[in-house]
Protein backbone atom coordinates (compact mmCIF):
# COMPACT_ATOMS: atom_id res chain seq x y z
CA MET A 1 32.48 44.41 18.41
CA ALA A 2 34.30 41.59 20.18
CA LEU A 3 37.02 39.65 18.39
CA HIS A 4 34.90 36.48 18.61
CA ASP A 5 31.95 38.24 16.97
CA ARG A 6 34.11 39.63 14.20
CA TYR A 7 35.23 36.19 13.02
CA ALA A 8 31.88 34.42 13.56
CA PRO A 9 30.67 34.83 9.94
CA LEU A 10 34.04 33.70 8.58
CA LEU A 11 34.10 30.63 10.84
CA HIS A 12 30.51 29.79 9.89
CA ARG A 13 31.38 30.00 6.19
CA ALA A 14 34.47 27.81 6.76
CA PHE A 15 32.21 25.28 8.48
CA LEU A 16 29.76 25.32 5.55
CA LEU A 17 32.62 24.88 3.06
CA GLY A 18 34.03 22.01 5.11
CA ILE A 19 30.65 20.28 5.19
CA TRP A 20 30.31 20.70 1.41
CA LEU A 21 33.77 19.19 0.93
CA LYS A 22 32.90 16.27 3.21
CA GLY A 23 29.72 15.70 1.18
CA ILE A 24 31.62 15.74 -2.11
CA ASP A 25 34.19 13.38 -0.57
CA GLY A 26 31.39 11.05 0.51
CA VAL A 27 29.93 10.96 -3.00
CA LEU A 28 33.38 10.27 -4.49
CA GLU A 29 33.99 7.47 -1.98
CA VAL A 30 30.68 5.79 -2.88
CA ILE A 31 31.43 6.12 -6.61
CA GLY A 32 35.03 4.91 -6.15
CA GLY A 33 33.89 2.00 -4.01
CA GLY A 34 31.30 1.06 -6.62
CA LEU A 35 33.87 1.19 -9.40
CA LEU A 36 36.30 -0.87 -7.34
CA LEU A 37 33.54 -3.40 -6.67
CA VAL A 38 32.92 -4.03 -10.37
CA THR A 39 36.58 -3.92 -11.44
CA ARG A 40 38.64 -7.11 -11.34
CA SER A 41 42.18 -7.05 -9.91
CA ALA A 42 43.74 -7.89 -13.28
CA THR A 43 41.84 -5.07 -14.98
CA LEU A 44 42.87 -2.62 -12.29
CA ASN A 45 46.50 -3.75 -12.60
CA ARG A 46 46.43 -3.24 -16.40
CA LEU A 47 44.87 0.22 -15.96
CA VAL A 48 47.62 1.26 -13.51
CA LEU A 49 50.31 -0.08 -15.85
CA ALA A 50 48.84 1.89 -18.77
CA LEU A 51 48.49 5.10 -16.74
CA THR A 52 52.03 4.98 -15.33
CA GLN A 53 53.90 3.74 -18.40
CA HIS A 54 54.59 7.18 -19.90
CA GLU A 55 55.71 8.63 -16.58
CA LEU A 56 58.14 5.77 -15.94
CA ILE A 57 59.61 6.12 -19.44
CA GLU A 58 60.41 9.77 -18.62
CA ASP A 59 61.60 9.03 -15.09
CA PRO A 60 62.19 5.35 -14.20
CA HIS A 61 62.51 6.34 -10.52
CA ASP A 62 59.20 8.23 -10.27
CA TRP A 63 58.03 7.53 -6.73
CA LEU A 64 54.26 7.83 -7.29
CA ALA A 65 54.15 5.72 -10.46
CA THR A 66 56.34 3.04 -8.88
CA MET A 67 54.23 2.96 -5.72
CA LEU A 68 50.99 2.69 -7.73
CA ARG A 69 52.39 -0.22 -9.74
CA GLN A 70 53.58 -2.05 -6.65
CA THR A 71 50.25 -1.55 -4.91
CA ALA A 72 48.26 -2.76 -7.94
CA ALA A 73 50.53 -5.80 -8.34
CA HIS A 74 49.92 -6.86 -4.73
CA LEU A 75 46.14 -6.69 -4.89
CA SER A 76 44.55 -10.02 -4.15
CA VAL A 77 41.06 -11.04 -5.23
CA ARG A 78 39.71 -10.08 -1.78
CA THR A 79 41.43 -6.68 -1.56
CA PRO A 80 39.17 -4.85 -4.02
CA LEU A 81 36.06 -6.31 -2.37
CA LEU A 82 37.11 -5.22 1.12
CA GLY A 83 38.30 -1.84 -0.17
CA SER A 84 35.09 -1.22 -2.07
CA LEU A 85 32.90 -2.16 0.89
CA TYR A 86 34.96 0.12 3.15
CA LEU A 87 34.73 3.04 0.72
CA ILE A 88 30.99 2.60 0.16
CA ALA A 89 30.23 2.32 3.90
CA HIS A 90 32.54 5.24 4.73
CA GLY A 91 30.94 7.39 2.01
CA ILE A 92 27.38 6.55 3.06
CA VAL A 93 28.14 7.41 6.70
CA LYS A 94 29.64 10.74 5.60
CA LEU A 95 26.69 11.52 3.37
CA GLY A 96 24.21 10.70 6.14
CA ILE A 97 26.00 12.99 8.57
CA VAL A 98 26.34 15.78 6.00
CA VAL A 99 22.64 15.61 5.12
CA GLY A 100 21.74 15.71 8.82
CA VAL A 101 23.93 18.75 9.45
CA TRP A 102 22.68 20.55 6.32
CA ARG A 103 19.10 19.99 7.40
CA GLY A 104 19.93 21.49 10.77
CA TYR A 105 19.33 18.34 12.85
CA ARG A 106 21.04 18.95 16.18
CA TRP A 107 21.71 15.23 16.72
CA ALA A 108 23.88 15.15 13.59
CA TYR A 109 26.56 17.43 15.08
CA PRO A 110 27.74 15.13 17.91
CA ILE A 111 27.52 12.13 15.59
CA ALA A 112 29.63 13.98 13.01
CA ILE A 113 32.18 14.86 15.69
CA GLY A 114 32.25 11.26 16.95
CA PHE A 115 32.78 9.74 13.52
CA LEU A 116 35.39 12.33 12.60
CA ILE A 117 37.27 11.54 15.80
CA LEU A 118 37.15 7.84 14.87
CA PHE A 119 38.45 8.65 11.37
CA ILE A 120 41.18 10.87 12.82
CA SER A 121 42.21 8.13 15.28
CA TYR A 122 42.51 5.61 12.46
CA GLN A 123 44.40 8.12 10.30
CA LEU A 124 46.84 8.80 13.14
CA TYR A 125 47.34 5.06 13.55
CA ARG A 126 48.09 4.76 9.83
CA LEU A 127 50.45 7.75 10.00
CA SER A 128 52.34 6.10 12.87
CA TYR A 129 53.55 3.27 10.66
CA GLN A 130 53.21 4.70 7.14
CA PRO A 131 53.81 8.47 7.01
CA SER A 132 52.01 10.24 4.18
CA LEU A 133 51.69 13.94 3.44
CA GLY A 134 48.21 13.43 1.97
CA LEU A 135 46.99 11.55 5.02
CA LEU A 136 48.56 14.14 7.32
CA LEU A 137 46.76 16.96 5.47
CA LEU A 138 43.48 15.04 5.58
CA THR A 139 43.91 14.48 9.32
CA MET A 140 44.58 18.18 9.86
CA PHE A 141 41.53 19.10 7.75
CA ASP A 142 39.33 16.66 9.70
CA SER A 143 40.63 18.14 12.97
CA VAL A 144 39.66 21.64 11.86
CA ILE A 145 36.22 20.38 10.82
CA VAL A 146 35.77 18.82 14.30
CA GLY A 147 36.55 22.19 15.88
CA LEU A 148 34.23 24.08 13.53
CA THR A 149 31.45 21.52 14.03
CA TRP A 150 31.80 21.80 17.81
CA ARG A 151 31.64 25.59 17.51
CA GLU A 152 28.50 25.42 15.36
CA TYR A 153 26.88 22.91 17.71
CA ARG A 154 27.40 25.25 20.69
CA GLN A 155 25.67 28.10 18.86
CA PRO A 156 21.95 28.63 19.43
CA PRO A 157 19.92 26.61 16.92
CA HIS A 158 19.64 28.39 13.59
CA ILE A 159 16.23 29.32 12.33
CA GLY A 160 15.57 26.87 9.53
CA ALA A 161 18.05 24.51 7.98
CA LEU A 162 21.52 25.33 6.76
CA LEU A 163 20.22 24.68 3.25
CA ALA A 164 18.35 27.96 3.43
CA GLU A 165 21.64 29.86 3.33
């Protein structure tokens, strides 16, 4: 058995897991965007203050709590609207691609790769001026998913949809 053949089932399962995670992420983005759409800036600011108060009492220099408070304080009236529209659109695109891939539509694979490359490009741009471990990890994850998606796309078409697995 060739080395490539030995890892094929593992790589296929990693691809399926990655697609599931992208689908869950898409659902969370749509939900988060919807919540952001119906939440006023002042309400969001009060929520962040309440959630970070205990942490800042314990450690007044807590980086995450301080950053969250500063971000919430600088939200304008337009920021939540633009953020919510971005999250909803981003989530819907992800969900559409995930559904297409899960149903075994061959056209969904290159579209998924294209959108992931766009997301990765934007994430790299953001990393260039605002380094973030979370964004770096997301970018690495997306890069792996691009490779796995390309690998799956090159395989002969599966009999039936991926949902059958």
